[in-house]
Amino acid sequence: MDVRALEALRAVRSQGGVTRAAAVLHLTPSAVSQHLASLTRQAGVPLTERVGRGLRLTPAGLALADAADDVAVALERARTAVLDAHQAPTGPVRVSAFSSGAELLLPGLLTRLEGSGVEVECTDEDVPLDDFAPLTDRIDVVIAHRPEGELAWSAPGASAGVRVVPLLREPLDVAVPVGHPLELSARADGGVRHADLAGQRWIAVKEGFPVGEVLRAVLAGGPVDGEPPRVVSRINDFHVVLELVAARHGLSLLPRYTCGRHPGVRLLPLLDVRAGRQIDALVRADTAERPVVRRVLSELTALARKLAGA
């Protein structure tokens, strides 16, 4: 079977359709369809089926896509095997991160790799939870976040085609303006409880983003499907959120390591609800075989351990 056709099948699985697969492969949709048709003829069974106006893989198509993952990994290992085993890994690696994760991790990563010959090309990708795994089709290392305890990265293609490298857990605290009654009461207790938060106005992230799910769980005292918070604004840029909190336009739930330095805002730990987000690096299985990518992942995990320890 043609390796390029197998790659097209993998992309259709991970991207959820021909058009998006064509975009990440830099092909036309017609070319992707031709690859699928060629594979179908060779397989002798349907590999795709129509669902409304879209296309999805049949069980046979999914099985072949899983096998194509193994082929891609084997080819990458073969390429690595011909390199000089004593040669330090060098070359470009594309790394993306959601906005606050980029602020937390990318400066340190670039500093650690400075002068190493590893050329890190950075970009920010702040997307809903289900859209992180498909980014690995065009980005080597995707730094993503999810509510802790939630099994994520279950988008099509994520289970077999994407490896997850845990980086760190970042606690989420209640952000209040300096002088707020909750800050004054927290001085004695060392934090706040979810019952103290009833009736507050909240500044949340947009629907579908991880921190928003954690906020719902916190205000319900644990279950995610509890009473919804009273949200007055939805903003993903935590710098803007900090300014709004400082100006007393609402409270928010913000990451401790990234947002704890604003002079007009205090971050208060939650005492009776565990609130946090898990930050992971997502990498395609074949991409993870490249020595230069392994070097970047090694530096990322070392940096994350240092940040969590501090």
Protein backbone atom coordinates (compact mmCIF):
# COMPACT_ATOMS: atom_id res chain seq x y z
CA MET A 1 0.00 0.00 0.00
CA ASP A 2 1.14 3.51 -0.78
CA VAL A 3 2.56 5.30 2.26
CA ARG A 4 1.06 8.61 1.13
CA ALA A 5 -2.37 7.02 0.88
CA LEU A 6 -2.04 5.61 4.38
CA GLU A 7 -1.07 9.06 5.63
CA ALA A 8 -4.20 10.47 4.00
CA LEU A 9 -6.31 7.86 5.79
CA ARG A 10 -4.74 8.78 9.13
CA ALA A 11 -5.44 12.45 8.52
CA VAL A 12 -9.09 11.82 7.65
CA ARG A 13 -9.44 9.94 10.94
CA SER A 14 -7.75 12.57 13.09
CA GLN A 15 -9.22 15.62 11.33
CA GLY A 16 -12.71 14.23 10.97
CA GLY A 17 -13.12 14.66 7.23
CA VAL A 18 -11.54 15.03 3.80
CA THR A 19 -11.43 18.83 3.62
CA ARG A 20 -9.59 19.31 6.92
CA ALA A 21 -7.31 16.37 6.13
CA ALA A 22 -6.41 17.98 2.81
CA ALA A 23 -5.53 21.23 4.59
CA VAL A 24 -3.02 19.64 6.98
CA LEU A 25 -1.52 17.49 4.21
CA HIS A 26 -1.27 20.45 1.81
CA LEU A 27 -3.25 18.52 -0.79
CA THR A 28 -6.52 19.14 -2.57
CA PRO A 29 -9.64 17.35 -1.29
CA SER A 30 -9.75 15.57 -4.64
CA ALA A 31 -6.26 14.16 -4.10
CA VAL A 32 -7.20 12.88 -0.63
CA SER A 33 -10.34 11.26 -2.06
CA GLN A 34 -8.23 9.56 -4.72
CA HIS A 35 -5.92 8.16 -2.04
CA LEU A 36 -8.93 6.80 -0.14
CA ALA A 37 -10.36 5.27 -3.30
CA SER A 38 -7.04 3.56 -4.04
CA LEU A 39 -6.84 2.09 -0.54
CA THR A 40 -10.46 0.91 -0.76
CA ARG A 41 -9.74 -0.94 -3.98
CA GLN A 42 -6.72 -2.64 -2.44
CA ALA A 43 -8.53 -3.49 0.79
CA GLY A 44 -11.59 -4.87 -1.00
CA VAL A 45 -13.97 -3.49 1.64
CA PRO A 46 -15.40 0.01 2.28
CA LEU A 47 -13.06 2.14 4.38
CA THR A 48 -15.33 5.21 4.63
CA GLU A 49 -19.04 5.93 4.87
CA ARG A 50 -21.19 9.02 4.46
CA VAL A 51 -22.69 10.62 7.56
CA GLY A 52 -24.91 13.51 6.53
CA ARG A 53 -22.68 15.77 4.47
CA GLY A 54 -19.52 14.40 6.06
CA LEU A 55 -17.37 11.29 5.90
CA ARG A 56 -16.17 8.93 8.60
CA LEU A 57 -14.12 5.75 8.66
CA THR A 58 -15.79 2.36 8.84
CA PRO A 59 -14.51 -0.21 11.38
CA ALA A 60 -12.27 -1.55 8.60
CA GLY A 61 -11.04 1.96 7.88
CA LEU A 62 -10.27 2.56 11.56
CA ALA A 63 -8.38 -0.73 11.76
CA LEU A 64 -6.32 0.19 8.70
CA ALA A 65 -5.65 3.66 10.13
CA ASP A 66 -4.32 2.04 13.32
CA ALA A 67 -2.07 -0.16 11.21
CA ALA A 68 -0.96 2.94 9.30
CA ASP A 69 0.16 4.42 12.64
CA ASP A 70 2.45 1.42 13.09
CA VAL A 71 3.80 1.85 9.56
CA ALA A 72 4.57 5.52 10.20
CA VAL A 73 6.35 4.71 13.47
CA ALA A 74 8.41 1.98 11.77
CA LEU A 75 9.44 4.34 8.96
CA GLU A 76 10.49 7.03 11.44
CA ARG A 77 12.52 4.49 13.40
CA ALA A 78 14.20 3.41 10.16
CA ARG A 79 15.12 7.02 9.37
CA THR A 80 16.51 7.45 12.88
CA ALA A 81 18.54 4.25 12.59
CA VAL A 82 20.58 5.61 9.68
CA LEU A 83 21.64 8.69 11.66
CA ASP A 84 24.92 8.75 13.50
CA ALA A 85 24.14 7.41 16.98
CA HIS A 86 26.69 9.77 18.49
CA GLN A 87 25.39 12.88 16.74
CA ALA A 88 23.47 15.32 18.92
CA PRO A 89 19.90 15.84 17.66
CA THR A 90 19.50 19.12 15.79
CA GLY A 91 16.98 20.72 13.49
CA PRO A 92 13.55 22.37 13.63
CA VAL A 93 10.72 21.34 15.95
CA ARG A 94 7.32 23.02 15.84
CA VAL A 95 5.82 23.57 19.31
CA SER A 96 2.44 25.06 20.11
CA ALA A 97 0.82 25.90 23.43
CA PHE A 98 -2.40 27.43 24.68
CA SER A 99 -1.92 31.06 25.72
CA SER A 100 -1.22 30.77 29.44
CA GLY A 101 0.73 27.55 28.90
CA ALA A 102 2.89 29.36 26.37
CA GLU A 103 3.60 32.06 28.93
CA LEU A 104 4.43 29.46 31.55
CA LEU A 105 6.61 27.08 29.52
CA LEU A 106 7.88 28.46 26.23
CA PRO A 107 10.39 31.07 27.53
CA GLY A 108 12.06 28.48 29.74
CA LEU A 109 12.06 25.88 26.97
CA LEU A 110 13.77 28.24 24.54
CA THR A 111 16.34 29.19 27.18
CA ARG A 112 17.17 25.55 27.94
CA LEU A 113 17.67 24.75 24.24
CA GLU A 114 19.59 27.90 23.34
CA GLY A 115 22.77 27.04 21.44
CA SER A 116 21.87 23.34 21.22
CA GLY A 117 21.15 23.28 17.50
CA VAL A 118 17.48 22.54 18.18
CA GLU A 119 15.42 25.20 16.42
CA VAL A 120 12.11 25.56 18.25
CA GLU A 121 9.41 27.23 16.17
CA CYS A 122 6.73 28.46 18.59
CA THR A 123 3.07 29.23 18.01
CA ASP A 124 0.05 29.72 20.26
CA GLU A 125 -3.02 27.56 19.74
CA ASP A 126 -5.82 28.17 22.25
CA VAL A 127 -8.55 25.75 21.15
CA PRO A 128 -11.42 23.82 22.72
CA LEU A 129 -10.53 20.56 24.44
CA ASP A 130 -11.41 18.23 21.55
CA ASP A 131 -9.33 20.20 19.05
CA PHE A 132 -5.91 19.76 20.69
CA ALA A 133 -5.17 16.21 19.48
CA PRO A 134 -5.85 16.97 15.78
CA LEU A 135 -3.25 19.75 15.95
CA THR A 136 -0.54 17.07 16.07
CA ASP A 137 -1.04 16.45 12.35
CA ARG A 138 0.70 19.76 11.61
CA ILE A 139 2.57 20.60 14.84
CA ASP A 140 5.29 18.37 16.32
CA VAL A 141 4.62 19.02 20.01
CA VAL A 142 1.26 20.34 21.21
CA ILE A 143 1.13 21.62 24.80
CA ALA A 144 -2.48 21.16 25.89
CA HIS A 145 -4.53 21.38 29.08
CA ARG A 146 -7.56 19.61 30.47
CA PRO A 147 -9.52 19.46 33.73
CA GLU A 148 -7.65 17.14 36.09
CA GLY A 149 -9.21 13.75 36.46
CA GLU A 150 -10.94 13.94 33.09
CA LEU A 151 -10.00 11.43 30.43
CA ALA A 152 -9.25 13.71 27.54
CA TRP A 153 -7.68 13.59 24.12
CA SER A 154 -10.45 11.23 23.01
CA ALA A 155 -11.07 13.01 19.73
CA PRO A 156 -10.94 10.76 16.64
CA GLY A 157 -7.40 9.50 16.15
CA ALA A 158 -6.18 10.52 19.59
CA SER A 159 -6.11 7.08 21.20
CA ALA A 160 -3.88 5.19 18.77
CA GLY A 161 -2.16 7.96 16.85
CA VAL A 162 -1.17 10.37 19.63
CA ARG A 163 1.10 9.91 22.62
CA VAL A 164 0.47 11.85 25.82
CA VAL A 165 3.42 13.08 27.89
CA PRO A 166 2.21 14.41 31.29
CA LEU A 167 3.95 17.64 32.26
CA LEU A 168 2.43 19.09 35.43
CA ARG A 169 -0.68 19.80 37.43
CA GLU A 170 -1.40 23.49 37.90
CA PRO A 171 -3.74 24.43 40.77
CA LEU A 172 -6.63 26.80 40.02
CA ASP A 173 -7.39 29.44 42.63
CA VAL A 174 -10.21 31.93 43.16
CA ALA A 175 -9.10 35.37 41.96
CA VAL A 176 -10.52 38.27 43.96
CA PRO A 177 -9.67 41.98 44.03
CA VAL A 178 -7.45 43.22 46.85
CA GLY A 179 -9.62 44.11 49.84
CA HIS A 180 -12.54 41.89 48.81
CA PRO A 181 -14.42 40.36 51.78
CA LEU A 182 -13.33 36.88 50.69
CA GLU A 183 -9.69 37.94 50.88
CA LEU A 184 -10.18 39.25 54.42
CA SER A 185 -11.92 36.06 55.61
CA ALA A 186 -9.34 33.88 53.86
CA ARG A 187 -6.54 35.34 55.93
CA ALA A 188 -7.72 33.36 58.95
CA ASP A 189 -8.58 30.11 57.17
CA GLY A 190 -5.84 30.15 54.54
CA GLY A 191 -8.34 29.95 51.68
CA VAL A 192 -12.01 29.77 50.75
CA ARG A 193 -14.67 27.07 50.54
CA HIS A 194 -17.10 26.56 47.71
CA ALA A 195 -20.02 27.58 49.93
CA ASP A 196 -18.40 31.02 50.32
CA LEU A 197 -18.72 31.60 46.58
CA ALA A 198 -22.50 31.50 46.28
CA GLY A 199 -24.06 34.50 44.53
CA GLN A 200 -20.78 35.88 43.18
CA ARG A 201 -20.41 37.31 39.67
CA TRP A 202 -17.90 35.36 37.59
CA ILE A 203 -15.63 36.02 34.66
CA ALA A 204 -15.19 32.69 32.88
CA VAL A 205 -13.53 31.37 29.75
CA LYS A 206 -15.55 30.55 26.66
CA GLU A 207 -17.67 27.41 26.51
CA GLY A 208 -15.75 24.22 25.75
CA PHE A 209 -12.45 25.34 27.30
CA PRO A 210 -11.05 23.37 30.25
CA VAL A 211 -10.99 26.01 33.00
CA GLY A 212 -14.70 26.69 32.45
CA GLU A 213 -15.54 23.07 33.25
CA VAL A 214 -13.53 23.26 36.47
CA LEU A 215 -15.39 26.43 37.53
CA ARG A 216 -18.73 24.65 37.18
CA ALA A 217 -17.44 21.79 39.32
CA VAL A 218 -16.11 24.13 42.00
CA LEU A 219 -19.37 26.04 42.41
CA ALA A 220 -21.29 22.77 42.58
CA GLY A 221 -18.99 21.49 45.30
CA GLY A 222 -17.61 18.75 43.09
CA PRO A 223 -19.95 17.42 40.37
CA VAL A 224 -19.52 19.06 37.01
CA ASP A 225 -23.27 18.86 36.32
CA GLY A 226 -24.30 20.99 39.29
CA GLU A 227 -25.78 24.47 39.40
CA PRO A 228 -24.19 26.69 36.72
CA PRO A 229 -22.18 29.72 37.84
CA ARG A 230 -23.49 33.26 37.37
CA VAL A 231 -21.19 34.24 34.51
CA VAL A 232 -21.19 37.91 33.49
CA SER A 233 -18.30 37.80 31.00
CA ARG A 234 -16.47 35.15 28.95
CA ILE A 235 -12.87 36.00 28.11
CA ASN A 236 -9.99 33.61 27.37
CA ASP A 237 -7.14 36.13 27.80
CA PHE A 238 -6.15 35.84 31.47
CA HIS A 239 -4.38 39.22 31.37
CA VAL A 240 -7.72 40.87 30.55
CA VAL A 241 -9.45 38.77 33.21
CA LEU A 242 -6.96 39.95 35.84
CA GLU A 243 -7.65 43.57 34.99
CA LEU A 244 -11.41 43.03 35.24
CA VAL A 245 -11.06 41.27 38.59
CA ALA A 246 -8.81 44.07 39.90
CA ALA A 247 -11.46 46.60 38.81
CA ARG A 248 -14.11 44.65 40.79
CA HIS A 249 -16.16 43.48 37.83
CA GLY A 250 -16.30 39.87 38.97
CA LEU A 251 -14.31 36.97 40.39
CA SER A 252 -12.56 34.31 38.36
CA LEU A 253 -10.83 30.95 38.59
CA LEU A 254 -7.24 31.33 37.45
CA PRO A 255 -4.06 29.21 37.28
CA ARG A 256 -1.74 29.74 40.22
CA TYR A 257 1.65 29.67 38.50
CA THR A 258 0.69 31.93 35.62
CA CYS A 259 -1.55 34.54 37.26
CA GLY A 260 -0.26 35.06 40.78
CA ARG A 261 1.66 38.32 40.30
CA HIS A 262 -0.97 41.03 39.67
CA PRO A 263 -0.75 43.75 42.35
CA GLY A 264 -4.53 44.29 42.41
CA VAL A 265 -5.56 40.62 42.60
CA ARG A 266 -5.20 37.92 45.23
CA LEU A 267 -5.42 34.22 44.41
CA LEU A 268 -7.17 32.27 47.17
CA PRO A 269 -6.75 28.47 47.39
CA LEU A 270 -9.88 26.33 47.60
CA LEU A 271 -9.96 24.32 50.80
CA ASP A 272 -12.74 21.80 50.18
CA VAL A 273 -12.73 21.28 46.40
CA ARG A 274 -9.70 20.07 44.49
CA ALA A 275 -9.39 22.39 41.50
CA GLY A 276 -6.66 22.20 38.92
CA ARG A 277 -5.78 21.56 35.34
CA GLN A 278 -3.45 18.95 33.89
CA ILE A 279 -0.94 20.17 31.33
CA ASP A 280 0.24 17.56 28.82
CA ALA A 281 2.36 17.42 25.69
CA LEU A 282 0.66 15.66 22.77
CA VAL A 283 2.81 14.14 20.03
CA ARG A 284 2.01 11.87 17.11
CA ALA A 285 3.47 8.41 17.63
CA ASP A 286 5.73 8.62 14.59
CA THR A 287 6.84 12.18 15.37
CA ALA A 288 7.82 11.06 18.87
CA GLU A 289 10.48 8.78 17.33
CA ARG A 290 12.51 11.72 16.01
CA PRO A 291 15.55 12.33 18.26
CA VAL A 292 15.18 16.10 18.08
CA VAL A 293 11.55 15.83 19.25
CA ARG A 294 12.59 13.51 22.08
CA ARG A 295 15.12 16.17 23.14
CA VAL A 296 12.39 18.83 23.26
CA LEU A 297 10.10 16.55 25.27
CA SER A 298 12.92 15.79 27.70
CA GLU A 299 13.58 19.49 28.27
CA LEU A 300 9.86 20.19 28.66
CA THR A 301 9.38 17.51 31.30
CA ALA A 302 12.47 18.70 33.21
CA LEU A 303 11.22 22.29 33.10
CA ALA A 304 7.74 21.23 34.26
CA ARG A 305 9.21 19.33 37.22
CA LYS A 306 11.18 22.41 38.20
CA LEU A 307 8.12 24.67 38.01
CA ALA A 308 5.95 22.28 40.01
CA GLY A 309 8.67 21.88 42.63
CA ALA A 310 9.07 25.64 43.02
